[in-house]
Protein backbone atom coordinates (compact mmCIF):
# COMPACT_ATOMS: atom_id res chain seq x y z
CA MET A 1 -250.42 28.66 9.06
CA ASN A 2 -250.14 25.04 10.18
CA LYS A 3 -247.99 24.42 13.23
CA PRO A 4 -245.49 21.52 13.14
CA PHE A 5 -246.62 18.26 14.71
CA ALA A 6 -250.17 19.59 15.31
CA ILE A 7 -251.74 16.21 16.13
CA THR A 8 -254.36 14.83 18.52
CA LEU A 9 -253.58 11.68 20.46
CA ASP A 10 -256.33 9.28 21.59
CA VAL A 11 -255.84 7.97 25.10
CA GLY A 12 -258.75 5.71 26.01
CA SER A 13 -261.99 7.62 25.46
CA SER A 14 -260.59 11.11 26.11
CA LEU A 15 -258.34 13.54 24.25
CA VAL A 16 -254.95 14.64 25.54
CA ASN A 17 -255.05 18.41 26.14
CA ARG A 18 -252.59 20.49 24.21
CA THR A 19 -250.46 22.80 26.35
CA GLY A 20 -249.05 25.22 23.78
CA SER A 21 -251.36 28.04 24.85
CA TRP A 22 -249.80 28.09 28.32
CA ARG A 23 -246.41 29.26 27.10
CA THR A 24 -244.75 32.64 27.56
CA VAL A 25 -241.36 31.37 26.33
CA ARG A 26 -240.43 28.55 23.97
CA PRO A 27 -237.32 26.38 23.60
CA VAL A 28 -235.30 26.82 20.42
CA TYR A 29 -232.34 24.69 19.34
CA VAL A 30 -229.31 26.85 18.51
CA ASP A 31 -225.73 26.43 17.37
CA ARG A 32 -222.98 28.36 19.10
CA LEU A 33 -219.34 28.90 18.24
CA PRO A 34 -217.12 26.68 20.43
CA PRO A 35 -214.39 28.71 22.18
CA CYS A 36 -211.69 26.38 20.80
CA ASN A 37 -212.79 27.09 17.22
CA HIS A 38 -212.95 30.80 17.99
CA ALA A 39 -209.39 30.86 19.39
CA CYS A 40 -207.76 28.85 16.57
CA PRO A 41 -205.70 31.13 14.29
CA ALA A 42 -205.97 28.51 11.52
CA GLY A 43 -209.77 28.55 11.77
CA GLU A 44 -210.13 24.83 12.37
CA ASN A 45 -213.54 23.34 13.13
CA ILE A 46 -212.05 21.59 16.15
CA GLN A 47 -215.30 20.41 17.66
CA ALA A 48 -216.32 18.74 14.38
CA TRP A 49 -213.15 16.67 13.99
CA LEU A 50 -213.08 15.77 17.68
CA TYR A 51 -216.63 14.42 17.24
CA HIS A 52 -215.37 11.92 14.64
CA ALA A 53 -212.21 11.15 16.60
CA GLU A 54 -214.05 10.25 19.78
CA ALA A 55 -215.97 7.60 17.82
CA GLY A 56 -212.72 6.13 16.52
CA ASP A 57 -213.49 7.35 13.00
CA TYR A 58 -209.99 8.66 12.39
CA GLU A 59 -210.04 9.18 8.64
CA PRO A 60 -213.27 11.25 8.69
CA ALA A 61 -211.76 13.18 11.61
CA TRP A 62 -208.57 13.86 9.64
CA ARG A 63 -210.51 14.87 6.52
CA GLU A 64 -212.62 17.27 8.56
CA LEU A 65 -209.44 18.69 10.10
CA VAL A 66 -207.64 19.24 6.77
CA LYS A 67 -210.55 21.18 5.35
CA ASN A 68 -208.90 24.10 7.13
CA ASN A 69 -205.34 22.99 7.94
CA PRO A 70 -203.32 20.74 5.61
CA LEU A 71 -200.47 20.30 8.12
CA PRO A 72 -201.91 18.55 11.21
CA ALA A 73 -198.85 16.42 12.04
CA ILE A 74 -196.72 19.57 11.95
CA MET A 75 -199.24 21.66 13.86
CA GLY A 76 -199.60 18.91 16.46
CA ARG A 77 -195.93 19.48 17.25
CA VAL A 78 -195.29 23.22 16.92
CA CYS A 79 -198.62 24.97 17.53
CA TYR A 80 -198.85 26.77 20.88
CA HIS A 81 -202.49 25.62 21.06
CA PRO A 82 -204.40 28.78 22.02
CA CYS A 83 -207.49 26.60 21.54
CA GLU A 84 -206.69 24.84 24.81
CA GLY A 85 -206.35 28.14 26.64
CA ALA A 86 -209.93 28.93 25.59
CA CYS A 87 -211.38 25.45 26.20
CA ASN A 88 -214.38 25.42 28.57
CA ARG A 89 -213.23 22.09 29.97
CA LYS A 90 -210.49 23.88 31.92
CA ASP A 91 -213.23 25.20 34.24
CA VAL A 92 -214.22 21.59 35.03
CA ASP A 93 -210.77 20.02 35.44
CA GLU A 94 -208.26 20.62 32.61
CA ALA A 95 -208.52 21.70 28.98
CA VAL A 96 -209.01 19.01 26.35
CA GLY A 97 -205.65 17.98 24.83
CA ILE A 98 -206.71 19.19 21.39
CA ASN A 99 -203.16 19.54 20.13
CA SER A 100 -202.35 15.97 21.20
CA VAL A 101 -205.30 14.53 19.28
CA GLU A 102 -204.43 16.65 16.25
CA ARG A 103 -200.92 15.22 16.25
CA PHE A 104 -202.30 11.69 16.59
CA LEU A 105 -204.55 12.19 13.57
CA GLY A 106 -201.73 13.76 11.56
CA ASP A 107 -199.39 10.89 12.32
CA GLU A 108 -202.12 8.33 11.64
CA ALA A 109 -202.70 9.87 8.21
CA LEU A 110 -198.99 9.62 7.37
CA ARG A 111 -198.81 6.05 8.65
CA ARG A 112 -201.81 4.96 6.60
CA GLY A 113 -200.93 6.99 3.52
CA TRP A 114 -204.12 9.04 3.38
CA ALA A 115 -204.02 11.54 0.49
CA PHE A 116 -205.98 14.65 -0.41
CA GLU A 117 -208.77 14.19 -2.93
CA LYS A 118 -208.00 16.21 -6.03
CA PRO A 119 -210.66 18.69 -7.21
CA SER A 120 -212.72 17.52 -10.17
CA THR A 121 -212.87 20.89 -11.94
CA SER A 122 -210.35 23.54 -12.99
CA SER A 123 -210.95 27.29 -12.92
CA GLY A 124 -208.35 28.10 -15.58
CA LYS A 125 -206.80 30.69 -13.26
CA ARG A 126 -203.08 30.68 -12.35
CA VAL A 127 -201.82 31.84 -8.96
CA LEU A 128 -198.21 32.43 -7.90
CA VAL A 129 -197.29 31.70 -4.29
CA VAL A 130 -193.97 33.22 -3.21
CA GLY A 131 -192.47 31.26 -0.33
CA ALA A 132 -192.86 27.62 0.72
CA GLY A 133 -193.24 28.20 4.45
CA PRO A 134 -196.42 27.47 6.44
CA SER A 135 -198.43 30.34 4.96
CA GLY A 136 -197.35 29.61 1.38
CA LEU A 137 -197.98 25.86 1.69
CA SER A 138 -201.41 26.51 3.21
CA ALA A 139 -202.36 28.93 0.44
CA ALA A 140 -201.12 26.55 -2.26
CA TYR A 141 -203.21 23.72 -0.81
CA HIS A 142 -206.41 25.70 -0.50
CA LEU A 143 -206.03 27.31 -3.92
CA ALA A 144 -205.44 23.89 -5.50
CA MET A 145 -208.47 22.44 -3.73
CA LEU A 146 -210.53 25.33 -5.14
CA GLY A 147 -209.51 24.28 -8.65
CA HIS A 148 -206.84 26.87 -9.42
CA SER A 149 -203.45 26.17 -10.98
CA VAL A 150 -200.75 26.98 -8.40
CA SER A 151 -196.99 27.48 -8.65
CA VAL A 152 -194.80 27.93 -5.56
CA TYR A 153 -191.53 29.82 -6.04
CA GLU A 154 -189.15 29.25 -3.15
CA ALA A 155 -185.83 31.11 -2.85
CA GLY A 156 -184.23 28.39 -0.75
CA PRO A 157 -183.13 24.85 -1.59
CA MET A 158 -185.87 23.12 0.46
CA VAL A 159 -189.51 23.64 1.41
CA GLY A 160 -190.69 24.57 4.88
CA GLY A 161 -189.40 28.11 5.36
CA MET A 162 -188.98 28.98 9.01
CA MET A 163 -190.48 25.61 9.98
CA ARG A 164 -187.25 24.10 8.66
CA PHE A 165 -184.77 26.91 9.29
CA GLY A 166 -186.21 28.28 12.54
CA ILE A 167 -187.59 25.26 14.41
CA PRO A 168 -185.07 22.65 15.63
CA LYS A 169 -185.39 18.97 14.74
CA TYR A 170 -186.08 18.00 18.35
CA ARG A 171 -189.38 19.86 18.03
CA LEU A 172 -190.18 19.10 14.38
CA PRO A 173 -188.61 16.01 12.75
CA ARG A 174 -187.82 16.75 9.12
CA GLU A 175 -189.44 13.56 7.83
CA ILE A 176 -192.77 14.83 9.17
CA LEU A 177 -192.29 18.23 7.53
CA ASP A 178 -191.31 16.69 4.19
CA ALA A 179 -194.16 14.17 4.17
CA GLU A 180 -196.90 16.71 4.81
CA ALA A 181 -195.44 19.14 2.27
CA LYS A 182 -195.21 16.37 -0.35
CA ARG A 183 -198.91 15.60 0.03
CA ILE A 184 -199.68 19.18 -1.05
CA PHE A 185 -197.48 19.00 -4.12
CA ASP A 186 -199.02 15.64 -5.02
CA LEU A 187 -202.18 17.64 -5.78
CA GLY A 188 -200.39 18.98 -8.85
CA VAL A 189 -198.98 22.14 -7.27
CA GLU A 190 -195.78 23.17 -9.08
CA LEU A 191 -192.68 23.76 -6.95
CA ARG A 192 -189.64 25.75 -8.07
CA LEU A 193 -186.81 25.71 -5.53
CA ASN A 194 -183.84 28.10 -5.61
CA THR A 195 -186.10 30.60 -7.39
CA LYS A 196 -185.98 34.05 -5.82
CA VAL A 197 -188.56 36.58 -6.97
CA ASP A 198 -186.87 39.99 -7.29
CA ASN A 199 -189.77 41.86 -8.90
CA ILE A 200 -193.25 40.51 -8.31
CA LEU A 201 -194.96 42.44 -11.13
CA GLU A 202 -192.40 41.37 -13.73
CA THR A 203 -192.60 37.74 -12.60
CA MET A 204 -196.40 37.70 -12.71
CA GLN A 205 -196.45 39.21 -16.18
CA ALA A 206 -193.66 37.04 -17.59
CA ASP A 207 -195.13 33.78 -16.29
CA GLY A 208 -198.80 34.60 -16.89
CA PHE A 209 -200.21 34.63 -13.37
CA ASP A 210 -203.64 36.07 -12.59
CA ALA A 211 -202.93 36.69 -8.89
CA ALA A 212 -200.16 36.26 -6.35
CA PHE A 213 -199.90 35.42 -2.67
CA LEU A 214 -196.72 36.65 -0.99
CA ALA A 215 -195.53 34.57 1.95
CA VAL A 216 -191.86 35.46 2.34
CA GLY A 217 -190.61 34.50 5.80
CA ALA A 218 -188.71 36.67 8.26
CA HIS A 219 -185.20 35.40 7.56
CA ILE A 220 -183.18 38.58 8.19
CA ALA A 221 -181.83 38.72 11.74
CA LYS A 222 -182.09 41.97 13.67
CA ARG A 223 -178.83 43.30 15.05
CA ALA A 224 -177.85 45.26 18.14
CA PHE A 225 -174.79 47.41 18.69
CA ILE A 226 -172.49 45.64 21.12
CA PRO A 227 -168.94 46.97 21.52
CA ALA A 228 -166.71 44.03 20.69
CA GLY A 229 -163.07 43.24 20.14
CA ASP A 230 -161.75 41.87 16.86
CA ALA A 231 -161.66 38.34 18.24
CA ALA A 232 -165.21 38.35 19.62
CA ARG A 233 -167.41 35.71 18.01
CA ILE A 234 -170.90 37.19 17.54
CA LEU A 235 -173.48 35.23 15.52
CA ASP A 236 -177.19 35.58 14.83
CA ALA A 237 -179.83 33.02 15.79
CA VAL A 238 -181.20 32.60 12.26
CA SER A 239 -177.76 31.68 10.91
CA VAL A 240 -177.18 29.20 13.73
CA LEU A 241 -180.52 27.43 13.26
CA ARG A 242 -180.18 27.50 9.47
CA GLY A 243 -176.71 26.01 9.80
CA MET A 244 -178.22 22.99 11.53
CA GLU A 245 -179.78 21.94 8.20
CA GLY A 246 -176.38 21.55 6.49
CA ASP A 247 -173.69 18.93 6.81
CA ASP A 248 -171.40 21.22 8.80
CA GLN A 249 -173.00 22.15 12.10
CA PRO A 250 -172.13 25.56 13.57
CA LEU A 251 -169.18 25.72 15.96
CA LEU A 252 -170.37 27.56 19.06
CA GLY A 253 -167.81 26.44 21.63
CA ARG A 254 -168.26 25.13 25.14
CA LYS A 255 -169.65 28.30 26.68
CA VAL A 256 -172.45 29.93 24.70
CA VAL A 257 -174.38 33.09 25.55
CA VAL A 258 -177.70 33.81 23.83
CA TYR A 259 -179.02 37.38 23.88
CA GLY A 260 -182.82 37.65 23.74
CA GLY A 261 -186.00 36.41 25.37
CA GLY A 262 -188.20 34.90 22.68
CA ASN A 263 -188.82 31.33 21.60
CA THR A 264 -185.93 31.58 19.13
CA ALA A 265 -183.53 32.37 21.99
CA ILE A 266 -184.80 29.30 23.83
CA ASP A 267 -184.35 27.15 20.72
CA VAL A 268 -180.77 28.32 20.17
CA ALA A 269 -179.79 27.72 23.80
CA ARG A 270 -181.28 24.21 23.74
CA THR A 271 -179.53 23.54 20.43
CA ALA A 272 -176.21 24.68 21.91
CA LYS A 273 -176.58 22.15 24.75
CA ARG A 274 -177.16 19.39 22.21
CA LEU A 275 -174.06 20.48 20.29
CA GLY A 276 -171.96 19.88 23.38
CA ALA A 277 -171.94 23.25 25.19
CA THR A 278 -171.26 22.85 28.89
CA ASP A 279 -172.83 26.26 29.57
CA ALA A 280 -175.72 27.73 27.59
CA VAL A 281 -176.77 31.03 29.17
CA ILE A 282 -179.65 33.24 28.03
CA VAL A 283 -179.22 36.93 28.84
CA TYR A 284 -182.55 38.76 28.97
CA ARG A 285 -183.11 42.32 30.10
CA ARG A 286 -186.52 41.80 31.74
CA ASN A 287 -187.88 39.28 34.25
CA ARG A 288 -189.64 35.98 33.57
CA GLU A 289 -193.12 37.50 33.67
CA LYS A 290 -192.16 39.81 30.79
CA MET A 291 -190.40 37.14 28.73
CA PRO A 292 -192.17 36.58 25.38
CA ALA A 293 -191.09 32.92 25.15
CA HIS A 294 -193.82 30.45 26.00
CA ASP A 295 -193.65 29.24 29.57
CA PHE A 296 -193.54 25.52 28.75
CA GLU A 297 -190.55 26.11 26.46
CA VAL A 298 -188.75 28.00 29.24
CA GLU A 299 -189.45 25.10 31.62
CA GLU A 300 -188.12 22.53 29.15
CA ALA A 301 -184.97 24.60 28.63
CA LEU A 302 -184.35 24.88 32.37
CA GLN A 303 -184.84 21.11 32.71
CA GLU A 304 -182.13 20.59 30.09
CA GLY A 305 -179.62 22.73 31.95
CA VAL A 306 -180.01 26.05 30.17
CA MET A 307 -179.36 28.97 32.51
CA ILE A 308 -181.15 32.32 32.28
CA LYS A 309 -179.80 35.62 33.59
CA TRP A 310 -182.87 37.76 34.13
CA LEU A 311 -182.74 41.57 34.23
CA SER A 312 -179.42 41.67 32.38
CA THR A 313 -178.05 43.22 29.21
CA ILE A 314 -174.76 42.75 27.34
CA LYS A 315 -172.51 45.82 27.48
CA GLN A 316 -169.39 44.47 25.78
CA ALA A 317 -168.07 41.30 24.15
CA GLY A 318 -164.48 40.15 24.22
CA GLU A 319 -162.50 37.17 22.93
CA SER A 320 -163.55 34.78 25.67
CA SER A 321 -165.98 36.70 27.87
CA ILE A 322 -168.79 39.25 27.91
CA THR A 323 -169.61 42.07 30.29
CA VAL A 324 -173.20 42.09 31.54
CA GLU A 325 -174.95 44.98 33.27
CA LYS A 326 -177.73 44.23 35.72
CA MET A 327 -181.05 46.02 35.10
CA LYS A 328 -184.08 46.92 37.17
CA LEU A 329 -187.64 47.54 36.02
CA ASP A 330 -189.11 51.00 36.52
CA GLU A 331 -192.73 51.70 37.43
CA THR A 332 -193.78 51.20 33.78
CA GLY A 333 -192.01 47.83 33.52
CA PHE A 334 -189.20 49.18 31.34
CA PRO A 335 -185.67 48.00 32.20
CA GLN A 336 -183.25 50.63 33.50
CA PRO A 337 -179.46 50.26 33.97
CA THR A 338 -178.03 49.95 37.47
CA GLY A 339 -174.33 50.37 36.70
CA GLU A 340 -173.62 47.00 38.33
CA LEU A 341 -171.43 44.91 36.00
CA GLU A 342 -170.54 41.21 35.82
CA THR A 343 -168.19 39.20 33.59
CA ILE A 344 -169.30 35.89 32.05
CA GLU A 345 -167.11 33.47 30.12
CA ALA A 346 -168.28 33.04 26.54
CA ASP A 347 -166.81 31.36 23.47
CA SER A 348 -169.61 32.81 21.32
CA VAL A 349 -172.55 35.18 21.59
CA VAL A 350 -175.72 34.49 19.61
CA LEU A 351 -178.13 37.38 19.01
CA ALA A 352 -181.79 36.32 19.09
CA LEU A 353 -183.45 39.72 18.85
CA GLY A 354 -186.07 39.04 16.21
CA GLN A 355 -186.18 38.92 12.41
CA ASP A 356 -187.22 41.13 9.52
CA VAL A 357 -188.67 40.31 6.09
CA ASP A 358 -186.96 41.10 2.79
CA LEU A 359 -189.52 43.29 0.99
CA SER A 360 -187.32 44.14 -1.99
CA LEU A 361 -189.58 42.22 -4.39
CA LEU A 362 -192.20 44.95 -3.80
CA ASP A 363 -189.97 47.93 -4.60
CA LYS A 364 -191.70 48.73 -7.90
CA VAL A 365 -195.27 47.93 -6.87
CA PRO A 366 -197.46 51.07 -6.62
CA GLY A 367 -200.15 51.56 -4.00
CA LEU A 368 -198.59 49.56 -1.19
CA GLU A 369 -198.37 50.71 2.41
CA ILE A 370 -195.40 49.48 4.43
CA VAL A 371 -195.79 49.56 8.23
CA ASP A 372 -192.83 48.71 10.49
CA GLY A 373 -191.26 46.47 7.89
CA THR A 374 -194.50 44.68 6.99
CA VAL A 375 -197.08 45.08 4.22
CA LYS A 376 -200.48 46.42 5.13
CA VAL A 377 -203.36 44.29 3.83
CA ASP A 378 -207.12 44.73 3.98
CA ALA A 379 -209.62 42.37 5.60
CA ASN A 380 -209.38 40.14 2.51
CA MET A 381 -205.57 39.79 2.82
CA MET A 382 -205.09 41.89 -0.35
CA THR A 383 -202.40 44.56 -0.52
CA GLY A 384 -202.99 47.99 -2.01
CA TYR A 385 -202.27 46.54 -5.46
CA PRO A 386 -205.21 44.55 -6.94
CA GLY A 387 -204.48 40.85 -7.29
CA ILE A 388 -201.47 40.80 -4.95
CA PHE A 389 -202.24 39.28 -1.56
CA ALA A 390 -199.89 38.74 1.38
CA GLY A 391 -199.76 36.89 4.69
CA GLY A 392 -197.57 35.20 7.29
CA ASP A 393 -194.50 37.09 8.41
CA MET A 394 -195.03 39.72 5.70
CA VAL A 395 -198.08 41.30 7.36
CA PRO A 396 -198.64 42.80 10.83
CA ALA A 397 -199.54 39.79 12.98
CA GLU A 398 -198.17 37.31 15.49
CA ARG A 399 -195.45 35.25 13.83
CA THR A 400 -196.37 31.63 14.45
CA VAL A 401 -196.88 28.63 12.19
CA THR A 402 -200.58 28.51 13.07
CA VAL A 403 -201.16 32.16 12.21
CA GLY A 404 -199.33 31.63 8.91
CA VAL A 405 -201.48 28.63 8.03
CA GLY A 406 -204.59 30.65 8.81
CA HIS A 407 -203.43 33.51 6.61
CA GLY A 408 -202.81 31.13 3.73
CA LYS A 409 -206.30 29.67 3.96
CA LYS A 410 -207.96 33.07 4.30
CA ALA A 411 -206.03 34.54 1.38
CA ALA A 412 -206.78 31.54 -0.84
CA ARG A 413 -210.50 31.84 -0.24
CA HIS A 414 -210.45 35.57 -0.91
CA ILE A 415 -208.39 35.10 -4.07
CA ASP A 416 -211.06 32.65 -5.22
CA THR A 417 -213.90 35.07 -4.52
CA TRP A 418 -211.92 37.92 -6.13
CA PHE A 419 -211.69 35.83 -9.30
CA ARG A 420 -215.43 35.18 -9.20
CA GLY A 421 -216.45 38.72 -8.28
CA VAL A 422 -218.27 37.73 -5.09
CA SER A 423 -217.60 38.17 -1.38
CA LEU A 424 -217.33 35.76 1.53
CA SER A 425 -219.83 35.83 4.36
CA ASP A 426 -218.21 36.57 7.72
CA HIS A 427 -221.22 35.50 9.80
CA LYS A 428 -220.35 33.64 12.99
CA HIS A 429 -222.53 32.14 15.68
CA GLY A 430 -222.44 33.58 19.17
CA LEU A 431 -219.74 32.24 21.48
CA ALA A 432 -220.52 29.23 23.69
CA GLY A 433 -219.35 30.38 27.13
CA PHE A 434 -218.95 28.12 30.13
CA GLU A 435 -221.91 29.81 31.83
CA ARG A 436 -224.16 28.07 29.30
CA MET A 437 -222.78 24.63 30.07
CA ASN A 438 -224.42 22.23 32.51
CA SER A 439 -221.46 21.02 34.52
CA TRP A 440 -223.67 18.66 36.56
CA TYR A 441 -223.10 16.06 33.86
CA TYR A 442 -219.30 16.25 33.82
CA THR A 443 -217.11 14.11 35.99
CA ASP A 444 -213.43 14.79 36.58
CA ALA A 445 -211.31 13.36 33.77
CA PRO A 446 -207.82 14.92 33.94
CA LYS A 447 -205.92 15.67 30.75
CA THR A 448 -203.53 13.03 29.40
CA VAL A 449 -199.89 14.11 29.59
CA ARG A 450 -197.82 13.38 26.49
CA PRO A 451 -194.67 11.31 27.06
CA MET A 452 -191.34 13.15 27.19
CA LEU A 453 -187.86 12.00 26.21
CA ASP A 454 -185.54 11.44 29.17
CA ILE A 455 -183.31 14.35 30.16
CA ILE A 456 -180.00 12.67 29.27
CA ARG A 457 -181.05 12.06 25.67
CA ARG A 458 -182.58 15.52 25.47
CA GLN A 459 -179.22 17.06 26.35
CA SER A 460 -177.17 15.00 23.92
CA THR A 461 -179.34 14.17 20.88
CA PHE A 462 -181.77 15.85 18.52
CA ASP A 463 -184.37 13.11 19.05
CA GLU A 464 -187.92 14.42 19.32
CA VAL A 465 -188.53 15.64 22.88
CA GLN A 466 -192.29 15.27 23.10
CA GLY A 467 -193.96 12.01 22.13
CA SER A 468 -197.39 11.19 20.74
CA LEU A 469 -200.46 9.74 22.42
CA ASP A 470 -201.27 6.13 21.66
CA GLU A 471 -204.71 5.29 20.29
CA ALA A 472 -206.29 4.57 23.68
CA ASN A 473 -205.16 7.90 25.12
CA ALA A 474 -206.15 9.81 21.96
CA LEU A 475 -209.65 8.32 22.16
CA TYR A 476 -209.88 9.21 25.86
CA GLU A 477 -208.73 12.76 25.18
CA ALA A 478 -211.16 13.29 22.28
CA ARG A 479 -214.02 12.03 24.47
CA ARG A 480 -213.30 14.73 27.05
CA CYS A 481 -214.75 17.32 24.60
CA LEU A 482 -217.95 18.91 25.96
CA SER A 483 -219.39 19.78 22.52
CA CYS A 484 -219.85 23.36 23.72
CA GLY A 485 -222.88 25.10 22.22
CA ASN A 486 -223.88 22.36 19.76
CA CYS A 487 -226.29 19.45 20.13
CA PHE A 488 -224.63 16.03 20.05
CA GLU A 489 -227.88 14.06 20.49
CA CYS A 490 -227.38 12.97 24.08
CA ASP A 491 -231.22 12.56 24.43
CA ASN A 492 -231.34 14.58 27.67
CA CYS A 493 -234.02 16.93 26.36
CA TYR A 494 -236.00 13.98 25.03
CA GLY A 495 -235.83 12.16 28.35
CA VAL A 496 -236.65 15.04 30.73
CA CYS A 497 -239.53 16.71 28.85
CA PRO A 498 -242.68 16.20 31.00
CA ASP A 499 -244.98 16.82 28.03
CA ASN A 500 -243.36 14.48 25.48
CA ALA A 501 -242.96 17.53 23.23
CA ILE A 502 -239.45 16.64 22.00
CA ARG A 503 -239.35 14.70 18.73
CA LYS A 504 -236.28 12.68 17.66
CA LEU A 505 -235.57 13.20 13.95
CA GLY A 506 -233.09 10.36 13.49
CA PRO A 507 -229.31 9.95 13.74
CA GLY A 508 -227.50 13.14 12.78
CA LYS A 509 -230.75 15.11 12.43
CA ARG A 510 -231.10 16.15 16.08
CA PHE A 511 -234.52 17.06 17.54
CA ALA A 512 -237.59 19.21 16.98
CA VAL A 513 -240.09 20.64 19.45
CA ASP A 514 -243.82 20.06 19.07
CA TYR A 515 -244.98 23.46 20.24
CA ASP A 516 -248.60 22.31 20.50
CA TYR A 517 -247.59 20.25 23.53
CA CYS A 518 -244.66 22.28 24.92
CA LYS A 519 -245.70 24.52 27.81
CA GLY A 520 -242.37 26.36 27.97
CA CYS A 521 -241.23 25.04 31.34
CA GLY A 522 -237.56 25.27 30.31
CA ILE A 523 -236.47 21.93 31.79
CA CYS A 524 -234.95 20.88 28.44
CA ALA A 525 -232.81 24.01 28.31
CA ALA A 526 -231.77 23.67 31.95
CA GLU A 527 -230.74 20.05 31.47
CA CYS A 528 -228.94 20.46 28.11
CA PRO A 529 -225.29 19.63 28.88
CA CYS A 530 -223.84 21.83 26.14
CA GLY A 531 -226.05 24.94 26.15
CA ALA A 532 -227.67 24.24 22.78
CA ILE A 533 -231.22 25.28 23.73
CA ASP A 534 -232.42 28.85 24.25
CA MET A 535 -235.67 29.88 25.87
CA VAL A 536 -237.01 32.78 23.80
CA PRO A 537 -240.08 34.94 24.45
CA GLU A 538 -243.26 34.05 22.60
CA GLU A 539 -244.23 36.48 19.89
CA VAL A 540 -247.36 38.37 20.82
């Protein structure tokens, strides 16, 4: 069999000797999975869109991004960016500000009016999406892009689900939410508001749907038994945050106590400060290390004057005060009562103890398995009933916007393959770890910090707290990407090869190795900045 690039070069009157017979190992170009891609619950190809962004090609970057996530301006504000926690750049200086660049691209798309390109073909299949939250919107988008006819039935009066009724405006401006949702419905997706589905099988049959994706959010607040007098004002966090969307804002009083330790508790306390509370106190029964709220949200709350009583639990609520018992953690980390009591003034108590999903629409569906108030699904996001898929808050998983968006995409793709009677490949490249990177080529370039609203305005208005990067900073941040595990044509291998065995194939086509002249020294692999070359043993 002919070997590639098997040529003889004339140099004067002699022939250049080929070196291929000297080798015991040979260099092979490989592609690895970047750790940011691997960590993204929405399954974004982060490295690919950063590649376009760092060249200033913002529309191609945005279009690459929305192949997997149709809500980048939203995600750039509310995602907790696990991608950055996995970024290899953090072992050089600081992680790439992926979330900041995503927000910049999302905002740029809205500013310039970029729209999704409608699919050219139709499958003839109809899919019902129940719920217009992040998971439902994501599923509707991906199903529409795959050529299916999609209808979204939403029980509430507005789209967004818990993005609207669970995330305050200071974190997610409603004009951003509405604009990105509108772009999905502009694809031809049908939206029916104020349409609650009580029986999924009856609705599917009556309206002629071939499949359904259930994405009902967790809107039912969990309760806790707290002895209280008749005059005690006890509310739930979901009702408080939902009330912020109406004309009449909730009346919490000047001294507000929030019971819980998650992100919702933080949001309610910060909202109370903006509504005029002089004291907003979070009561949490464990310490800060055990608190489920994200650390940066806790820090922002403390900056705004929210107080947190760690290792405390509410024993009783009265008309204008509550009784708190101090706790201590046992050897397993579980809080135990101490019998030490304290009284705190409180005009209202807000319970932020988590939420449940209303599963009543599934009451007459056979074959389903309900686990801890959620629906069990298989690896394809399908429930035990063929053709009914579920995701987001309805299934056992972390309840975040990003996870919901990922579920919607995954379910849409599996609904499509279920229609066609095929299966999706789950092949993934090996992970590109930092040990494969050549840090010699990286100079310190600290992460750009996003601008923050001043404290006074944060305490008194619902203006957006965190600002966006400008174009110069977004470009800088995108260019900090190391392109982990994938060749970006830096020409290092071409320049360092002592045998001129590396062949350039042209822009975007990368390189090839002429094995007749490669002696397997491994310099190309050692000098590759991103770990995209393996040295593999020669076949005997």
